[in-house]
Amino acid sequence: MTDYTVTTLDLSYQNLTVLPNLSLYTNLQILHCYNNQLTSLDNLPPNLQTLYCENNQLTSLDNLPPTLQELYCCYNQLTSLDNLPPKLRTILCSKNKLTSLENLPLTLRELYCRNNQIISFDNLPPKLRTIYYENNPIYTTCKDIYGFELSKKTIEKYNEIKRIEKECCCPILK
């Protein structure tokens, strides 16, 4: 008999290509499904707070629960992270194929996005305290063009530069 009241579930190393239907696990807060062959994550439980889905074949992460606070999705094939939950505080998305990170939640405090193809960030959240973004084109841009590395002390400065660039460089609409 399945216990649908568990708060933590580990489905890692199961060679899964599809997640089982987890929508009945209404108390599930932590899901481990790393090191499988998953290409999508459907039917995630409604109250999930932490998701470990590293080392799969994921190309997108749609329909993440709005309660999600921590997302660990390194070593996948992700090309974008859109529609992120509003309560997200931590994202580890290193070793993917991301080219940009836009519309990050205002609650975000930690971002680990090393080894991607990120060329720009759009409005980094003001509460962001930790950012690791080495081995991305944006890392070189910040150091060589803007003259600083991103840190909690320079996020506001970076956002201001990006705002000015948008205002000054965008073509005027007729």
Protein backbone atom coordinates (compact mmCIF):
# COMPACT_ATOMS: atom_id res chain seq x y z
CA MET A 1 0.00 0.00 0.00
CA THR A 2 1.32 3.44 -0.93
CA ASP A 3 1.76 6.02 1.81
CA TYR A 4 0.57 9.30 0.29
CA THR A 5 1.33 11.21 3.51
CA VAL A 6 5.14 11.16 3.20
CA THR A 7 6.91 14.53 3.14
CA THR A 8 10.06 13.31 1.36
CA LEU A 9 10.28 10.94 -1.59
CA ASP A 10 13.41 9.65 -3.29
CA LEU A 11 13.03 8.37 -6.86
CA SER A 12 16.68 8.83 -7.79
CA TYR A 13 18.72 6.24 -9.70
CA GLN A 14 15.59 4.44 -10.92
CA ASN A 15 16.26 4.79 -14.64
CA LEU A 16 12.91 6.59 -14.96
CA THR A 17 11.93 8.22 -18.24
CA VAL A 18 8.66 9.56 -16.80
CA LEU A 19 7.70 10.43 -13.25
CA PRO A 20 4.82 8.49 -11.75
CA ASN A 21 1.74 10.53 -10.96
CA LEU A 22 2.67 12.35 -7.76
CA SER A 23 -0.37 14.61 -7.50
CA LEU A 24 -1.87 12.42 -4.75
CA TYR A 25 1.13 13.10 -2.49
CA THR A 26 -0.40 16.22 -1.01
CA ASN A 27 2.07 16.37 1.91
CA LEU A 28 5.17 15.89 -0.21
CA GLN A 29 7.60 18.76 0.32
CA ILE A 30 10.90 17.31 -0.93
CA LEU A 31 11.31 15.28 -4.10
CA HIS A 32 14.55 13.64 -5.20
CA CYS A 33 14.43 12.45 -8.80
CA TYR A 34 18.02 13.01 -9.90
CA ASN A 35 20.12 10.64 -12.00
CA ASN A 36 17.34 9.29 -14.16
CA GLN A 37 16.43 9.74 -17.82
CA LEU A 38 13.56 12.18 -17.30
CA THR A 39 12.70 14.51 -20.15
CA SER A 40 9.87 16.36 -18.37
CA LEU A 41 8.41 16.74 -14.90
CA ASP A 42 4.66 16.45 -15.00
CA ASN A 43 2.18 15.96 -12.17
CA LEU A 44 4.38 17.36 -9.45
CA PRO A 45 2.76 17.45 -6.02
CA PRO A 46 0.94 20.71 -5.19
CA ASN A 47 2.87 21.54 -1.99
CA LEU A 48 6.38 20.73 -3.14
CA GLN A 49 9.02 23.03 -1.66
CA THR A 50 12.31 21.44 -2.77
CA LEU A 51 13.01 19.69 -6.06
CA TYR A 52 16.23 17.81 -6.85
CA CYS A 53 16.15 16.90 -10.54
CA GLU A 54 19.82 17.03 -11.47
CA ASN A 55 21.42 14.83 -14.10
CA ASN A 56 18.43 14.02 -16.29
CA GLN A 57 17.50 14.91 -19.86
CA LEU A 58 15.22 17.84 -19.04
CA THR A 59 14.89 20.52 -21.71
CA SER A 60 12.36 22.68 -19.87
CA LEU A 61 10.73 22.99 -16.48
CA ASP A 62 7.13 23.95 -16.94
CA ASN A 63 4.35 23.79 -14.38
CA LEU A 64 6.51 23.97 -11.29
CA PRO A 65 4.36 24.23 -8.16
CA PRO A 66 3.91 27.78 -6.84
CA THR A 67 5.11 26.63 -3.40
CA LEU A 68 8.58 25.65 -4.69
CA GLN A 69 11.40 27.38 -2.80
CA GLU A 70 14.49 25.43 -3.89
CA LEU A 71 15.29 24.13 -7.37
CA TYR A 72 18.31 21.93 -8.11
CA CYS A 73 18.43 21.26 -11.85
CA CYS A 74 22.12 21.08 -12.79
CA TYR A 75 23.38 18.74 -15.52
CA ASN A 76 20.35 18.77 -17.80
CA GLN A 77 19.61 20.16 -21.26
CA LEU A 78 17.66 23.23 -20.14
CA THR A 79 17.62 26.11 -22.60
CA SER A 80 15.44 28.43 -20.51
CA LEU A 81 13.88 28.78 -17.09
CA ASP A 82 10.59 30.54 -17.63
CA ASN A 83 7.61 30.93 -15.31
CA LEU A 84 9.53 30.29 -12.15
CA PRO A 85 7.51 30.04 -8.91
CA PRO A 86 7.20 33.32 -7.00
CA LYS A 87 8.56 31.91 -3.71
CA LEU A 88 11.77 30.50 -5.15
CA ARG A 89 14.80 31.35 -3.00
CA THR A 90 17.50 29.07 -4.44
CA ILE A 91 18.30 27.97 -7.99
CA LEU A 92 21.16 25.67 -8.94
CA CYS A 93 21.12 25.40 -12.73
CA SER A 94 24.77 24.97 -13.65
CA LYS A 95 25.85 22.80 -16.59
CA ASN A 96 22.82 23.36 -18.83
CA LYS A 97 22.30 25.21 -22.12
CA LEU A 98 20.84 28.41 -20.74
CA THR A 99 21.45 31.60 -22.72
CA SER A 100 19.62 34.02 -20.43
CA LEU A 101 17.86 34.19 -17.11
CA GLU A 102 14.95 36.58 -17.13
CA ASN A 103 12.07 37.26 -14.78
CA LEU A 104 13.78 35.72 -11.80
CA PRO A 105 11.56 35.76 -8.69
CA LEU A 106 12.02 38.74 -6.39
CA THR A 107 12.47 36.31 -3.49
CA LEU A 108 15.58 34.72 -5.04
CA ARG A 109 18.59 34.78 -2.70
CA GLU A 110 20.99 32.25 -4.28
CA LEU A 111 21.77 31.64 -7.95
CA TYR A 112 24.30 29.11 -9.17
CA CYS A 113 24.40 29.12 -12.97
CA ARG A 114 27.98 28.26 -13.89
CA ASN A 115 28.87 26.62 -17.21
CA ASN A 116 25.99 27.77 -19.38
CA GLN A 117 25.82 30.18 -22.34
CA ILE A 118 24.29 33.12 -20.47
CA ILE A 119 24.93 36.43 -22.21
CA SER A 120 22.71 38.62 -20.04
CA PHE A 121 20.62 38.79 -16.89
CA ASP A 122 17.44 40.83 -16.86
CA ASN A 123 16.69 42.56 -13.57
CA LEU A 124 18.53 40.55 -10.98
CA PRO A 125 16.41 40.34 -7.80
CA PRO A 126 17.41 42.87 -5.12
CA LYS A 127 17.47 40.15 -2.42
CA LEU A 128 20.03 38.09 -4.33
CA ARG A 129 22.97 37.51 -1.99
CA THR A 130 24.93 34.75 -3.73
CA ILE A 131 25.65 34.43 -7.43
CA TYR A 132 28.06 32.07 -9.16
CA TYR A 133 28.06 32.58 -12.92
CA GLU A 134 31.58 31.69 -14.08
CA ASN A 135 32.11 30.09 -17.51
CA ASN A 136 29.34 32.12 -19.14
CA PRO A 137 29.78 34.95 -21.65
CA ILE A 138 28.19 37.37 -19.15
CA TYR A 139 31.08 36.75 -16.75
CA THR A 140 33.58 38.16 -19.25
CA THR A 141 31.23 41.02 -20.13
CA CYS A 142 30.93 42.10 -16.51
CA LYS A 143 34.67 41.98 -15.90
CA ASP A 144 35.93 43.43 -19.20
CA ILE A 145 33.18 45.86 -20.22
CA TYR A 146 31.52 46.90 -16.96
CA GLY A 147 34.69 46.58 -14.88
CA PHE A 148 33.25 44.54 -12.01
CA GLU A 149 32.08 41.09 -11.08
CA LEU A 150 28.52 40.53 -9.94
CA SER A 151 28.06 40.27 -6.20
CA LYS A 152 25.44 41.33 -3.68
CA LYS A 153 27.17 44.74 -3.64
CA THR A 154 27.08 45.25 -7.42
CA ILE A 155 23.65 43.87 -8.39
CA GLU A 156 21.98 47.28 -8.12
CA LYS A 157 24.75 48.81 -10.25
CA TYR A 158 24.35 46.05 -12.89
CA ASN A 159 20.55 46.48 -13.02
CA GLU A 160 21.00 50.24 -13.52
CA ILE A 161 23.47 49.68 -16.38
CA LYS A 162 21.05 47.23 -18.05
CA ARG A 163 18.15 49.70 -17.62
CA ILE A 164 20.16 52.50 -19.22
CA GLU A 165 21.28 50.21 -22.07
CA LYS A 166 17.65 49.29 -22.78
CA GLU A 167 16.53 52.92 -22.76
CA CYS A 168 19.41 54.17 -24.89
CA CYS A 169 19.93 51.33 -27.31
CA CYS A 170 16.45 50.14 -28.14
CA PRO A 171 15.10 51.41 -31.48
CA ILE A 172 12.44 54.07 -31.19
CA LEU A 173 9.03 52.72 -32.07
CA LYS A 174 7.11 54.71 -34.66
